Amino acid sequence: MNYRAVLIILMLFATGYAQEINRKWETNENCRACHMDIVDKWEGSRHANSHFNKNDLYKKSLEYIVRNNPKMILDEVKVECSACHNPRISKTKVEDVDKYLLLMDIEENKKQIQQTLNTKNMQNGINCVVCHNVDEIHLDKKKGSQGLFDIQFGEQGTMFGPFDDANSPYHKTVQRSHFVDQDPKLCFACHYGSSNKHGVEVYATGKEYESVGSNEGCLDCHMSKKYQGYASNFVKDKDKPKPRMIREHRFASVDNSNIVLDYIDTTAKVNGEKFVITIANNTPHRFPTGYGLRRVLLDVKYFDSKDKMIKSFNYTLGSQWIDAKGNKTIPALATQMSKDTRVTPHSKADYAFKIPNGATYVVYQFSYRFVDEALAKEMGVSDSFFLNPYVFLTQRVHLK
C-alpha cells in the first residue's frame, strides 16, 4: 500500500461519523399507526420541509453563501446549517481534513458525506425523533441558538413527552418538563437567536420575546391551545383511546393557518388630509420575525367615484441587510442590518398616507412574503411557495 493510500485511510478514520438513527425511528411513517392525526398535521408544517431537498429557499440560500464565499464548500455549509435544520445529522462539523478529501475528489468521502446529508431521517425534516427524543436542554443564551449543540438526546427508542402515565408497546415513554410547561426553551434551541460570522445578529425571535418579559410560550400560537383529543389512537385489550388535552402539531405559519389575523390587528381612519392605518402587534416578537428576508407588504390604492385608481402607495415591513461593499445581501453574509421597519413586540405602529384630490374610497391590502422579491431572483429561488405573496387582509374604506 502506497503512502497516499495510507494517508487517505487515516484521514477517513479521523473524520468518523456518529451513530445513525435506527430505521425504526428514521421517519414519521412508523409513528402514524398510533399518532395518525398528529402526523397528518405535522406534514403540512414547515418543520416537515426543513431539509434542503424540500425547501427551495433554504437550498438556494446555501448555494448563494458558497458562491459569495470562495473559502467555503457547499457540503460544509449544509452540515453547519443542519444543526438546526436537521439536528439528528450524524456528522456535526466538516473539518479541514474533510474539505481536503472532498477537494481531492476522493470518491469514498464524497459518497459518505452525501449519504449523511441525504438520509431518510434528514429528508424527513424536524420529525418526531428530533423533538420527542430530547432528554435535556442546555441553551447558552450568550452563544445564541445552536440547535443540536443545545440539546442532549436520549436513547433511541425512548420518547419524551408531556404525560406521566403514557404507555406504548413500541417505545419507552418518559415525561419531561420541557413538554409540560410554557417555557419555550425547546423551541429556543433553534429559534432564540443567532449571529453570522461577522458578528451580526441575523435573527433574535427569542430575544425579542424576552425583551417584553413574556411568559406566553410559543405553543398556544404556533401549535394550538389545548383541546380534548387523542395523543394516540392505540388501544389495548379492545379498550378505547384515552382522551388527552393535546395540541395540534401544525407549527402554524401564514401558509397553513390564520395566525396573522389571530394575533395582528389592523384599524384605519381618516385624519384630516391623511388616511391612517394602525397595526397592533399582539405577539411577543417583532412582526415579521425569524428569517431576515421575510416581508409584510402594505399596498394602499385610492379610487375615484368611477372606480378608477388615481393614486397608490406601498410600504414594506421588514429588515434589510448589506455586505462590506454596501450591497444588499442575505443575513448570513451581511456585515450590517441597514434598515428595520418591523413592528416591535406588543406595540402599535401608524402608517399615514396622503389622500389625493378626487378620491372617494381606498383599498388597502396586507400580504406576507417569505423572502425579499429582488433577492429571491438573485438567489435563483423558483418555488412558487416562496415567491407568491400570502394575502391575509384586504379592506375597502369610503372616504366621503
Protein backbone atom coordinates (compact mmCIF):
# COMPACT_ATOMS: atom_id res chain seq x y z
CA MET A 1 0.00 0.00 0.00
CA ASN A 2 1.46 3.35 -1.01
CA TYR A 3 1.80 6.43 1.20
CA ARG A 4 -1.15 8.24 -0.41
CA ALA A 5 -3.49 5.33 0.24
CA VAL A 6 -2.41 5.09 3.88
CA LEU A 7 -2.96 8.85 4.29
CA ILE A 8 -6.45 8.62 2.85
CA ILE A 9 -7.41 5.75 5.14
CA LEU A 10 -6.13 7.62 8.18
CA MET A 11 -7.98 10.75 7.14
CA LEU A 12 -11.20 8.83 6.62
CA PHE A 13 -10.80 7.27 10.06
CA ALA A 14 -10.17 10.70 11.60
CA THR A 15 -13.43 12.05 10.21
CA GLY A 16 -15.64 9.43 11.84
CA TYR A 17 -19.39 9.68 11.92
CA ALA A 18 -21.75 9.34 14.86
CA GLN A 19 -24.44 6.69 15.08
CA GLU A 20 -27.25 6.99 12.54
CA ILE A 21 -30.90 6.91 13.58
CA ASN A 22 -32.29 3.39 13.72
CA ARG A 23 -34.51 2.54 10.77
CA LYS A 24 -37.45 2.11 13.15
CA TRP A 25 -37.36 5.83 14.04
CA GLU A 26 -35.95 7.45 10.91
CA THR A 27 -39.26 8.78 9.54
CA ASN A 28 -42.68 9.65 10.90
CA GLU A 29 -44.33 6.89 8.89
CA ASN A 30 -43.72 4.40 11.67
CA CYS A 31 -45.37 6.83 14.10
CA ARG A 32 -48.52 7.21 12.02
CA ALA A 33 -50.17 3.97 13.11
CA CYS A 34 -50.62 5.30 16.66
CA HIS A 35 -50.40 9.06 16.11
CA MET A 36 -52.26 9.50 12.82
CA ASP A 37 -53.77 12.95 13.39
CA ILE A 38 -50.53 14.36 14.80
CA VAL A 39 -48.51 13.13 11.81
CA ASP A 40 -51.12 14.42 9.34
CA LYS A 41 -50.98 17.92 10.86
CA TRP A 42 -47.18 17.86 11.02
CA GLU A 43 -46.92 17.02 7.31
CA GLY A 44 -48.37 20.43 6.47
CA SER A 45 -45.80 22.28 8.56
CA ARG A 46 -42.51 23.94 7.69
CA HIS A 47 -40.85 21.53 10.14
CA ALA A 48 -41.63 18.73 7.71
CA ASN A 49 -39.80 20.65 4.98
CA SER A 50 -36.61 21.68 6.76
CA HIS A 51 -34.26 19.65 4.53
CA PHE A 52 -32.69 21.46 1.58
CA ASN A 53 -34.20 18.97 -0.88
CA LYS A 54 -37.68 20.04 0.24
CA ASN A 55 -37.04 23.74 0.76
CA ASP A 56 -36.00 25.73 -2.29
CA LEU A 57 -35.31 28.93 -0.32
CA TYR A 58 -33.04 27.10 2.10
CA LYS A 59 -31.24 25.27 -0.72
CA LYS A 60 -30.71 28.42 -2.80
CA SER A 61 -29.53 30.30 0.30
CA LEU A 62 -26.84 27.68 0.92
CA GLU A 63 -25.71 27.85 -2.70
CA TYR A 64 -25.71 31.67 -2.57
CA ILE A 65 -23.48 31.62 0.51
CA VAL A 66 -20.93 29.42 -1.25
CA ARG A 67 -20.99 31.47 -4.48
CA ASN A 68 -20.16 34.55 -2.46
CA ASN A 69 -17.59 32.90 -0.19
CA PRO A 70 -14.87 31.03 -2.11
CA LYS A 71 -13.33 29.71 1.12
CA MET A 72 -16.36 27.53 1.79
CA ILE A 73 -17.69 24.42 0.09
CA LEU A 74 -21.35 23.50 -0.18
CA ASP A 75 -21.23 20.35 1.92
CA GLU A 76 -19.54 22.31 4.71
CA VAL A 77 -22.39 24.84 4.81
CA LYS A 78 -25.01 22.10 4.62
CA VAL A 79 -23.54 20.35 7.65
CA GLU A 80 -23.21 23.61 9.60
CA CYS A 81 -26.81 24.67 8.98
CA SER A 82 -28.11 21.17 9.74
CA ALA A 83 -27.52 21.90 13.43
CA CYS A 84 -31.00 23.47 13.39
CA HIS A 85 -32.49 22.32 10.09
CA ASN A 86 -31.73 18.64 10.75
CA PRO A 87 -30.46 18.21 14.33
CA ARG A 88 -30.16 14.42 14.10
CA ILE A 89 -27.41 14.64 11.49
CA SER A 90 -24.69 12.12 12.32
CA LYS A 91 -21.85 14.50 11.38
CA THR A 92 -21.72 17.77 13.27
CA LYS A 93 -18.82 19.53 11.56
CA VAL A 94 -16.78 19.42 8.35
CA GLU A 95 -13.18 19.62 9.49
CA ASP A 96 -10.27 20.77 7.32
CA VAL A 97 -9.40 17.13 6.70
CA ASP A 98 -12.89 16.58 5.27
CA LYS A 99 -12.50 19.58 2.98
CA TYR A 100 -9.17 18.28 1.72
CA LEU A 101 -10.68 14.91 0.91
CA LEU A 102 -13.64 16.49 -0.86
CA LEU A 103 -11.39 18.86 -2.83
CA MET A 104 -9.14 15.92 -3.72
CA ASP A 105 -12.25 14.33 -5.22
CA ILE A 106 -11.94 11.19 -3.10
CA GLU A 107 -15.00 9.24 -4.20
CA GLU A 108 -15.46 7.33 -0.94
CA ASN A 109 -15.52 10.54 1.11
CA LYS A 110 -17.89 12.27 -1.30
CA LYS A 111 -20.23 9.29 -1.22
CA GLN A 112 -20.14 9.09 2.57
CA ILE A 113 -20.95 12.74 3.23
CA GLN A 114 -23.71 12.73 0.61
CA GLN A 115 -25.26 9.71 2.27
CA THR A 116 -25.06 11.52 5.60
CA LEU A 117 -26.73 14.66 4.24
CA ASN A 118 -29.48 12.74 2.49
CA THR A 119 -30.55 10.00 4.89
CA LYS A 120 -34.26 9.28 5.19
CA ASN A 121 -34.20 10.83 8.62
CA MET A 122 -32.58 14.04 7.36
CA GLN A 123 -35.04 14.34 4.49
CA ASN A 124 -37.94 13.75 6.88
CA GLY A 125 -37.22 17.14 8.47
CA ILE A 126 -37.86 18.16 12.08
CA ASN A 127 -39.76 14.99 12.83
CA CYS A 128 -40.90 13.05 15.90
CA VAL A 129 -37.47 11.70 16.81
CA VAL A 130 -35.96 15.20 16.69
CA CYS A 131 -38.21 16.81 19.31
CA HIS A 132 -39.55 13.87 21.31
CA ASN A 133 -36.17 12.27 21.86
CA VAL A 134 -34.81 15.44 23.54
CA ASP A 135 -33.89 14.47 27.10
CA GLU A 136 -32.15 17.65 28.29
CA ILE A 137 -31.74 21.22 27.01
CA HIS A 138 -28.62 23.29 27.70
CA LEU A 139 -29.15 26.56 25.84
CA ASP A 140 -26.34 29.08 26.35
CA LYS A 141 -28.08 32.34 25.52
CA LYS A 142 -24.77 34.17 25.22
CA LYS A 143 -23.93 31.95 22.26
CA GLY A 144 -27.45 32.01 20.83
CA SER A 145 -29.27 29.07 19.29
CA GLN A 146 -27.03 26.21 18.31
CA GLY A 147 -29.58 23.53 17.59
CA LEU A 148 -28.17 20.07 18.22
CA PHE A 149 -25.38 21.53 20.38
CA ASP A 150 -28.00 22.87 22.81
CA ILE A 151 -29.68 19.56 23.46
CA GLN A 152 -28.97 16.10 24.73
CA PHE A 153 -30.87 13.27 23.11
CA GLY A 154 -31.99 10.19 25.00
CA GLU A 155 -31.56 6.60 23.98
CA GLN A 156 -33.14 5.65 20.69
CA GLY A 157 -36.44 4.02 21.47
CA THR A 158 -37.26 6.43 24.31
CA MET A 159 -39.76 9.18 23.56
CA PHE A 160 -40.18 12.12 25.94
CA GLY A 161 -43.46 13.97 26.21
CA PRO A 162 -45.97 15.81 28.43
CA PHE A 163 -47.73 12.85 30.08
CA ASP A 164 -46.59 10.96 33.18
CA ASP A 165 -48.79 7.92 32.52
CA ALA A 166 -48.28 7.35 28.80
CA ASN A 167 -47.67 3.75 27.83
CA SER A 168 -46.73 2.35 24.44
CA PRO A 169 -45.85 -1.19 23.35
CA TYR A 170 -43.48 0.23 20.71
CA HIS A 171 -41.26 2.60 22.68
CA LYS A 172 -40.49 3.80 26.18
CA THR A 173 -42.33 6.96 27.16
CA VAL A 174 -40.97 9.38 29.77
CA GLN A 175 -42.31 12.76 30.90
CA ARG A 176 -40.08 15.81 30.64
CA SER A 177 -40.80 19.32 31.92
CA HIS A 178 -39.96 20.99 28.60
CA PHE A 179 -43.11 19.38 27.17
CA VAL A 180 -45.30 20.27 30.15
CA ASP A 181 -44.81 23.95 30.95
CA GLN A 182 -44.96 27.07 28.80
CA ASP A 183 -41.21 27.63 28.91
CA PRO A 184 -40.15 27.89 25.25
CA LYS A 185 -36.64 26.54 25.84
CA LEU A 186 -37.16 23.59 23.48
CA CYS A 187 -38.16 25.97 20.70
CA PHE A 188 -35.32 28.34 21.60
CA ALA A 189 -32.71 25.65 20.94
CA CYS A 190 -33.14 26.75 17.32
CA HIS A 191 -35.30 29.90 17.49
CA TYR A 192 -33.73 32.04 20.24
CA GLY A 193 -31.27 34.00 18.12
CA SER A 194 -28.06 33.73 16.15
CA SER A 195 -25.22 35.79 14.73
CA ASN A 196 -23.32 35.25 11.49
CA LYS A 197 -19.55 35.01 11.06
CA HIS A 198 -19.30 38.83 11.04
CA GLY A 199 -20.89 39.01 14.48
CA VAL A 200 -24.11 40.46 13.06
CA GLU A 201 -27.25 39.24 14.80
CA VAL A 202 -29.34 37.85 11.97
CA TYR A 203 -32.40 36.77 13.91
CA ALA A 204 -33.48 37.18 17.51
CA THR A 205 -37.00 35.86 17.99
CA GLY A 206 -36.22 34.59 21.48
CA LYS A 207 -34.50 37.80 22.50
CA GLU A 208 -37.48 39.79 21.21
CA TYR A 209 -39.70 37.56 23.33
CA GLU A 210 -37.61 38.18 26.44
CA SER A 211 -37.42 41.93 25.80
CA VAL A 212 -41.09 42.29 26.77
CA GLY A 213 -40.87 39.84 29.67
CA SER A 214 -43.24 37.44 28.00
CA ASN A 215 -44.30 34.18 29.61
CA GLU A 216 -46.77 33.21 26.91
CA GLY A 217 -44.67 30.45 25.42
CA CYS A 218 -44.78 29.52 21.74
CA LEU A 219 -47.22 26.63 21.84
CA ASP A 220 -50.62 28.36 22.04
CA CYS A 221 -49.87 30.33 18.87
CA HIS A 222 -47.76 28.01 16.75
CA MET A 223 -49.33 24.70 17.71
CA SER A 224 -52.75 25.43 19.23
CA LYS A 225 -54.40 25.98 22.53
CA LYS A 226 -55.03 22.72 24.35
CA TYR A 227 -58.15 20.81 23.42
CA GLN A 228 -59.51 17.38 24.24
CA GLY A 229 -58.42 14.77 21.72
CA TYR A 230 -56.22 11.73 21.40
CA ALA A 231 -52.44 11.80 21.55
CA SER A 232 -52.53 8.17 20.46
CA ASN A 233 -55.18 6.02 18.82
CA PHE A 234 -53.50 2.86 20.14
CA VAL A 235 -55.85 0.69 22.19
CA LYS A 236 -55.14 -2.27 24.43
CA ASP A 237 -57.48 -5.20 25.07
CA LYS A 238 -60.27 -3.68 22.95
CA ASP A 239 -60.30 -0.60 25.17
CA LYS A 240 -60.90 2.92 23.83
CA PRO A 241 -58.13 5.50 23.21
CA LYS A 242 -57.54 7.68 26.25
CA PRO A 243 -58.74 11.30 25.88
CA ARG A 244 -55.99 13.84 26.48
CA MET A 245 -55.58 17.60 26.50
CA ILE A 246 -53.40 17.95 23.41
CA ARG A 247 -52.21 20.47 20.83
CA GLU A 248 -52.13 20.41 17.04
CA HIS A 249 -48.70 19.72 15.57
CA ARG A 250 -49.20 22.12 12.66
CA PHE A 251 -46.49 24.64 13.71
CA ALA A 252 -48.63 27.43 12.35
CA SER A 253 -47.37 29.79 9.66
CA VAL A 254 -49.05 32.08 7.16
CA ASP A 255 -49.48 29.24 4.67
CA ASN A 256 -51.32 26.76 6.90
CA SER A 257 -53.28 28.88 9.40
CA ASN A 258 -54.85 32.24 10.19
CA ILE A 259 -52.09 33.05 12.67
CA VAL A 260 -51.57 36.59 11.37
CA LEU A 261 -55.25 37.51 11.63
CA ASP A 262 -55.39 35.91 15.08
CA TYR A 263 -52.56 37.99 16.54
CA ILE A 264 -52.22 41.11 14.37
CA ASP A 265 -54.98 43.73 14.49
CA THR A 266 -55.40 46.49 11.92
CA THR A 267 -57.61 49.55 12.02
CA ALA A 268 -57.94 52.54 9.69
CA LYS A 269 -59.36 56.05 9.86
CA VAL A 270 -59.36 59.37 8.05
CA ASN A 271 -57.35 62.03 9.88
CA GLY A 272 -57.63 65.34 8.07
CA GLU A 273 -55.92 65.00 4.70
CA LYS A 274 -54.41 61.64 5.55
CA PHE A 275 -55.58 58.08 5.72
CA VAL A 276 -54.02 56.35 8.73
CA ILE A 277 -53.62 52.60 9.14
CA THR A 278 -52.70 51.26 12.57
CA ILE A 279 -51.10 47.87 13.13
CA ALA A 280 -51.28 46.35 16.61
CA ASN A 281 -48.72 43.59 17.07
CA ASN A 282 -50.08 41.35 19.84
CA THR A 283 -47.21 38.88 19.64
CA PRO A 284 -44.17 38.78 21.94
CA HIS A 285 -41.80 39.19 18.99
CA ARG A 286 -41.36 41.51 16.06
CA PHE A 287 -43.70 41.37 13.08
CA PRO A 288 -42.42 39.80 10.91
CA THR A 289 -39.80 37.83 12.83
CA GLY A 290 -37.46 34.92 12.10
CA TYR A 291 -35.56 34.68 8.82
CA GLY A 292 -34.38 38.17 7.94
CA LEU A 293 -35.72 38.28 4.37
CA ARG A 294 -39.38 37.94 5.36
CA ARG A 295 -41.60 40.83 4.37
CA VAL A 296 -45.05 42.19 5.10
CA LEU A 297 -46.25 44.39 2.25
CA LEU A 298 -48.85 47.13 2.69
CA ASP A 299 -50.46 48.33 -0.55
CA VAL A 300 -52.78 51.36 -0.50
CA LYS A 301 -54.84 52.31 -3.57
CA TYR A 302 -57.13 55.34 -3.94
CA PHE A 303 -60.10 55.31 -6.33
CA ASP A 304 -62.49 57.97 -7.64
CA SER A 305 -66.27 57.69 -7.90
CA LYS A 306 -65.97 55.86 -11.22
CA ASP A 307 -63.71 53.16 -9.70
CA LYS A 308 -60.64 54.48 -11.46
CA MET A 309 -57.44 54.17 -9.45
CA ILE A 310 -55.89 57.62 -9.12
CA LYS A 311 -53.02 57.01 -6.69
CA SER A 312 -51.21 54.15 -4.98
CA PHE A 313 -48.69 53.82 -2.17
CA ASN A 314 -46.84 50.90 -0.68
CA TYR A 315 -44.85 50.24 2.44
CA THR A 316 -42.68 47.30 3.47
CA LEU A 317 -42.28 45.92 6.96
CA GLY A 318 -39.01 44.03 7.17
CA SER A 319 -35.27 44.24 7.61
CA GLN A 320 -32.56 44.94 5.04
CA TRP A 321 -29.01 43.64 5.05
CA ILE A 322 -25.84 44.86 3.34
CA ASP A 323 -22.35 43.47 2.84
CA ALA A 324 -19.00 45.21 3.27
CA LYS A 325 -19.44 46.93 -0.12
CA GLY A 326 -22.87 48.26 0.78
CA ASN A 327 -24.73 45.85 -1.49
CA LYS A 328 -27.96 44.17 -0.43
CA THR A 329 -27.38 40.59 0.64
CA ILE A 330 -28.81 37.77 2.73
CA PRO A 331 -28.45 37.88 6.54
CA ALA A 332 -25.84 35.08 6.63
CA LEU A 333 -23.38 37.22 4.64
CA ALA A 334 -24.27 40.68 5.98
CA THR A 335 -21.89 42.98 7.78
CA GLN A 336 -24.75 45.23 8.86
CA MET A 337 -28.52 45.43 9.17
CA SER A 338 -29.10 48.66 7.27
CA LYS A 339 -32.83 49.06 7.91
CA ASP A 340 -35.50 47.63 10.18
CA THR A 341 -39.15 48.65 9.72
CA ARG A 342 -40.73 45.72 11.57
CA VAL A 343 -43.31 46.30 14.31
CA THR A 344 -41.86 45.74 17.79
CA PRO A 345 -43.44 43.23 20.23
CA HIS A 346 -46.72 44.18 21.91
CA SER A 347 -46.85 47.59 20.29
CA LYS A 348 -48.73 49.66 17.73
CA ALA A 349 -47.48 51.47 14.65
CA ASP A 350 -49.25 54.10 12.50
CA TYR A 351 -48.81 54.47 8.74
CA ALA A 352 -50.21 57.67 7.21
CA PHE A 353 -50.86 58.19 3.50
CA LYS A 354 -51.98 61.46 1.92
CA ILE A 355 -55.45 61.38 0.41
CA PRO A 356 -55.31 62.64 -3.21
CA ASN A 357 -57.90 65.03 -4.61
CA GLY A 358 -60.91 63.25 -6.09
CA ALA A 359 -60.52 60.06 -4.07
CA THR A 360 -63.82 58.64 -2.82
CA TYR A 361 -62.60 55.36 -1.37
CA VAL A 362 -59.42 53.50 -0.58
CA VAL A 363 -58.49 49.82 -0.68
CA TYR A 364 -55.61 48.63 1.45
CA GLN A 365 -54.12 45.18 1.46
CA PHE A 366 -51.62 43.31 3.60
CA SER A 367 -49.62 40.41 2.23
CA TYR A 368 -46.78 38.29 3.59
CA ARG A 369 -43.71 37.16 1.68
CA PHE A 370 -41.24 34.56 2.87
CA VAL A 371 -38.41 36.26 1.04
CA ASP A 372 -37.48 39.64 -0.41
CA GLU A 373 -38.52 39.55 -4.07
CA ALA A 374 -35.33 41.02 -5.53
CA LEU A 375 -33.02 38.77 -3.53
CA ALA A 376 -35.16 35.73 -4.33
CA LYS A 377 -34.50 36.43 -8.00
CA GLU A 378 -30.79 36.94 -7.40
CA MET A 379 -30.55 33.68 -5.44
CA GLY A 380 -32.47 31.79 -8.10
CA VAL A 381 -35.44 30.80 -5.94
CA SER A 382 -38.03 29.22 -8.21
CA ASP A 383 -40.56 27.53 -5.90
CA SER A 384 -43.84 29.45 -6.05
CA PHE A 385 -44.42 28.67 -2.39
CA PHE A 386 -41.74 31.24 -1.54
CA LEU A 387 -42.38 33.63 -4.43
CA ASN A 388 -46.13 34.09 -4.04
CA PRO A 389 -47.49 36.74 -1.68
CA TYR A 390 -49.85 35.44 1.00
CA VAL A 391 -52.67 37.98 1.25
CA PHE A 392 -54.09 37.98 4.75
CA LEU A 393 -56.22 41.13 4.77
CA THR A 394 -58.00 43.34 2.23
CA GLN A 395 -60.22 46.27 3.30
CA ARG A 396 -62.19 48.92 1.45
CA VAL A 397 -62.91 52.21 3.24
CA HIS A 398 -65.13 55.04 1.95
CA LEU A 399 -63.59 58.47 2.33
CA LYS A 400 -66.68 60.58 1.64
